[in-house]
Amino acid sequence: MSHSPRDERQPARATPPLRNGRTEIELIWIEKRLEHWIRFGRIAGERIVSRKTRVLAFRPDAIVAFIRWSANDYGTIHSRIDIVRAVRAGEPYTTVPFVRPGGELLLSIKGWPKVRQVIEAIDQVEAEGLDPCDIAPEHWRHVHNRMSAGEAARAYTMERHRAWLKRKALGQ
């Protein structure tokens, strides 16, 4: 039996292709124990795994807010919100639990008081009459950075949105 020398190792495999080019997020619901849900995002497909688990699919470039919460007999033990952009095949990405393969991480906040602040920021965007999926991805990075520094994030206004749409049009 012959073995190849250590110097001739096989190159690392490429990232496995996404199912139909989509990013998948696994949602779980176990009453009073574990909940995963989507706060916003345009769902492109759904697969029911069991009564307590389903998998949602998102097209490349979709912006999604994914919330995870868990508790024990004494109360909440973990809460987190991640806002990710679904990646295209071959793009680099950050791994996020329950997100396959992962995504471009725009915001990642943990701890219920801060998660609640992010939800309020999402509500503020919706109060402007905007869909959080359609706003400038940089806004979610801004919210993440300001909250990480213990500062209040600037509101996303219709004026900021118009500027984003103009920048986006120039890039196409």
Protein backbone atom coordinates (compact mmCIF):
# COMPACT_ATOMS: atom_id res chain seq x y z
CA MET A 1 0.00 0.00 0.00
CA SER A 2 1.47 3.34 -0.97
CA HIS A 3 0.83 6.63 0.74
CA SER A 4 1.41 10.05 -0.73
CA PRO A 5 4.15 12.06 0.95
CA ARG A 6 3.07 14.79 3.38
CA ASP A 7 4.28 17.47 0.97
CA GLU A 8 1.69 16.44 -1.61
CA ARG A 9 -1.43 17.06 0.46
CA GLN A 10 -4.64 17.71 -1.38
CA PRO A 11 -5.68 21.37 -1.53
CA ALA A 12 -8.55 22.42 0.70
CA ARG A 13 -11.91 21.78 -0.89
CA ALA A 14 -13.96 24.65 -2.15
CA THR A 15 -17.01 25.71 -0.19
CA PRO A 16 -19.84 23.28 -0.92
CA PRO A 17 -22.44 24.78 -3.23
CA LEU A 18 -25.50 26.28 -1.61
CA ARG A 19 -28.77 24.46 -2.03
CA ASN A 20 -30.09 26.18 -5.17
CA GLY A 21 -27.62 29.00 -4.43
CA ARG A 22 -29.53 29.95 -1.28
CA THR A 23 -28.62 30.55 2.34
CA GLU A 24 -30.59 28.45 4.82
CA ILE A 25 -31.56 29.36 8.38
CA GLU A 26 -32.84 26.75 10.80
CA LEU A 27 -35.70 27.89 13.02
CA ILE A 28 -36.50 25.99 16.20
CA TRP A 29 -39.34 26.46 18.68
CA ILE A 30 -39.49 24.59 21.98
CA GLU A 31 -42.00 26.33 24.21
CA LYS A 32 -40.44 28.31 27.06
CA ARG A 33 -36.98 26.83 26.29
CA LEU A 34 -35.64 27.68 22.85
CA GLU A 35 -36.82 29.97 20.08
CA HIS A 36 -35.25 30.98 16.77
CA TRP A 37 -37.15 33.40 14.60
CA ILE A 38 -36.76 35.83 11.73
CA ARG A 39 -37.56 39.48 12.53
CA PHE A 40 -37.32 40.51 8.88
CA GLY A 41 -36.16 39.00 5.61
CA ARG A 42 -37.68 37.89 2.32
CA ILE A 43 -38.16 34.14 2.48
CA ALA A 44 -37.51 32.33 -0.82
CA GLY A 45 -38.38 28.83 0.37
CA GLU A 46 -39.30 26.74 3.37
CA ARG A 47 -38.76 23.13 4.40
CA ILE A 48 -40.54 21.67 7.43
CA VAL A 49 -38.28 19.23 9.27
CA SER A 50 -40.50 18.48 12.27
CA ARG A 51 -43.23 20.08 14.37
CA LYS A 52 -40.55 22.11 16.14
CA THR A 53 -38.05 22.74 13.34
CA ARG A 54 -38.18 24.29 9.90
CA VAL A 55 -35.56 25.59 7.51
CA LEU A 56 -36.01 28.85 5.60
CA ALA A 57 -34.09 29.67 2.43
CA PHE A 58 -33.00 33.14 1.30
CA ARG A 59 -31.71 34.30 -2.08
CA PRO A 60 -28.21 35.78 -2.41
CA ASP A 61 -27.95 39.40 -1.18
CA ALA A 62 -31.09 39.10 0.99
CA ILE A 63 -30.77 40.92 4.31
CA VAL A 64 -32.14 38.91 7.24
CA ALA A 65 -32.54 39.55 10.98
CA PHE A 66 -32.23 36.27 12.89
CA ILE A 67 -33.03 36.15 16.62
CA ARG A 68 -32.07 33.30 18.98
CA TRP A 69 -33.37 33.01 22.53
CA SER A 70 -33.06 30.27 25.15
CA ALA A 71 -34.10 29.87 28.78
CA ASN A 72 -33.95 27.45 31.67
CA ASP A 73 -36.09 27.10 34.80
CA TYR A 74 -34.70 30.39 36.14
CA GLY A 75 -35.24 32.60 33.07
CA THR A 76 -33.45 33.77 29.94
CA ILE A 77 -29.93 32.44 29.58
CA HIS A 78 -29.12 33.55 26.02
CA SER A 79 -30.50 36.05 23.55
CA ARG A 80 -28.88 37.25 20.37
CA ILE A 81 -29.73 38.99 17.11
CA ASP A 82 -27.66 38.70 13.95
CA ILE A 83 -28.37 40.71 10.82
CA VAL A 84 -26.73 38.98 7.87
CA ARG A 85 -26.57 39.36 4.12
CA ALA A 86 -27.01 36.05 2.31
CA VAL A 87 -23.87 35.40 0.28
CA ARG A 88 -23.39 34.37 -3.33
CA ALA A 89 -21.53 31.17 -4.20
CA GLY A 90 -17.79 31.65 -3.75
CA GLU A 91 -18.06 34.79 -1.60
CA PRO A 92 -16.35 34.86 1.78
CA TYR A 93 -18.67 34.65 4.77
CA THR A 94 -18.79 34.50 8.53
CA THR A 95 -20.18 31.37 10.10
CA VAL A 96 -23.25 31.92 12.26
CA PRO A 97 -24.89 29.09 14.21
CA PHE A 98 -27.97 27.70 12.41
CA VAL A 99 -27.15 29.70 9.23
CA ARG A 100 -25.82 27.59 6.35
CA PRO A 101 -23.28 28.25 5.10
CA GLY A 102 -23.10 31.61 6.88
CA GLY A 103 -23.39 35.19 5.72
CA GLU A 104 -21.87 38.64 5.65
CA LEU A 105 -22.37 39.71 9.24
CA LEU A 106 -23.73 43.26 9.40
CA LEU A 107 -24.75 43.26 13.07
CA SER A 108 -24.31 40.82 15.94
CA ILE A 109 -25.59 41.76 19.39
CA LYS A 110 -26.20 39.61 22.44
CA GLY A 111 -28.00 40.17 25.73
CA TRP A 112 -31.72 40.87 25.87
CA PRO A 113 -31.52 44.61 26.73
CA LYS A 114 -29.34 45.25 23.67
CA VAL A 115 -31.35 42.87 21.46
CA ARG A 116 -34.45 44.85 22.44
CA GLN A 117 -32.65 48.08 21.38
CA VAL A 118 -31.93 46.56 17.95
CA ILE A 119 -35.58 45.54 17.62
CA GLU A 120 -36.51 49.14 18.46
CA ALA A 121 -34.11 50.34 15.72
CA ILE A 122 -35.88 47.98 13.28
CA ASP A 123 -39.25 49.34 14.43
CA GLN A 124 -37.95 52.88 13.81
CA VAL A 125 -37.04 52.00 10.22
CA GLU A 126 -40.51 50.52 9.69
CA ALA A 127 -42.09 53.65 11.23
CA GLU A 128 -40.41 55.62 8.41
CA GLY A 129 -42.42 53.49 5.98
CA LEU A 130 -39.35 51.50 4.88
CA ASP A 131 -38.75 47.78 4.70
CA PRO A 132 -35.67 46.91 6.82
CA CYS A 133 -34.63 44.50 4.02
CA ASP A 134 -34.21 47.41 1.62
CA ILE A 135 -32.22 49.95 3.61
CA ALA A 136 -28.48 50.58 3.40
CA PRO A 137 -26.55 47.62 4.86
CA GLU A 138 -24.16 50.19 6.34
CA HIS A 139 -26.92 51.28 8.71
CA TRP A 140 -26.90 47.89 10.43
CA ARG A 141 -23.09 48.09 10.75
CA HIS A 142 -23.52 51.59 12.23
CA VAL A 143 -26.09 50.30 14.75
CA HIS A 144 -23.73 47.44 15.71
CA ASN A 145 -20.72 49.72 16.15
CA ARG A 146 -22.56 52.39 18.14
CA MET A 147 -24.16 49.83 20.46
CA SER A 148 -20.80 48.10 20.96
CA ALA A 149 -19.37 51.46 22.03
CA GLY A 150 -22.32 52.12 24.37
CA GLU A 151 -23.61 54.96 22.22
CA ALA A 152 -27.02 55.59 20.67
CA ALA A 153 -27.30 54.89 16.95
CA ARG A 154 -28.46 57.61 14.57
CA ALA A 155 -31.96 57.14 13.19
CA TYR A 156 -32.35 55.94 9.62
CA THR A 157 -34.37 58.65 7.89
CA MET A 158 -36.01 58.95 4.50
CA GLU A 159 -33.25 61.43 3.57
CA ARG A 160 -30.57 58.82 4.35
CA HIS A 161 -32.52 56.25 2.38
CA ARG A 162 -32.71 58.49 -0.70
CA ALA A 163 -28.94 59.01 -0.48
CA TRP A 164 -28.45 55.21 -0.26
CA LEU A 165 -30.64 54.66 -3.34
CA LYS A 166 -28.60 57.21 -5.30
CA ARG A 167 -25.28 55.57 -4.26
CA LYS A 168 -26.71 52.18 -5.17
CA ALA A 169 -27.81 53.44 -8.61
CA LEU A 170 -24.31 54.79 -9.31
CA GLY A 171 -22.78 51.39 -8.56
CA GLN A 172 -24.95 49.55 -11.10
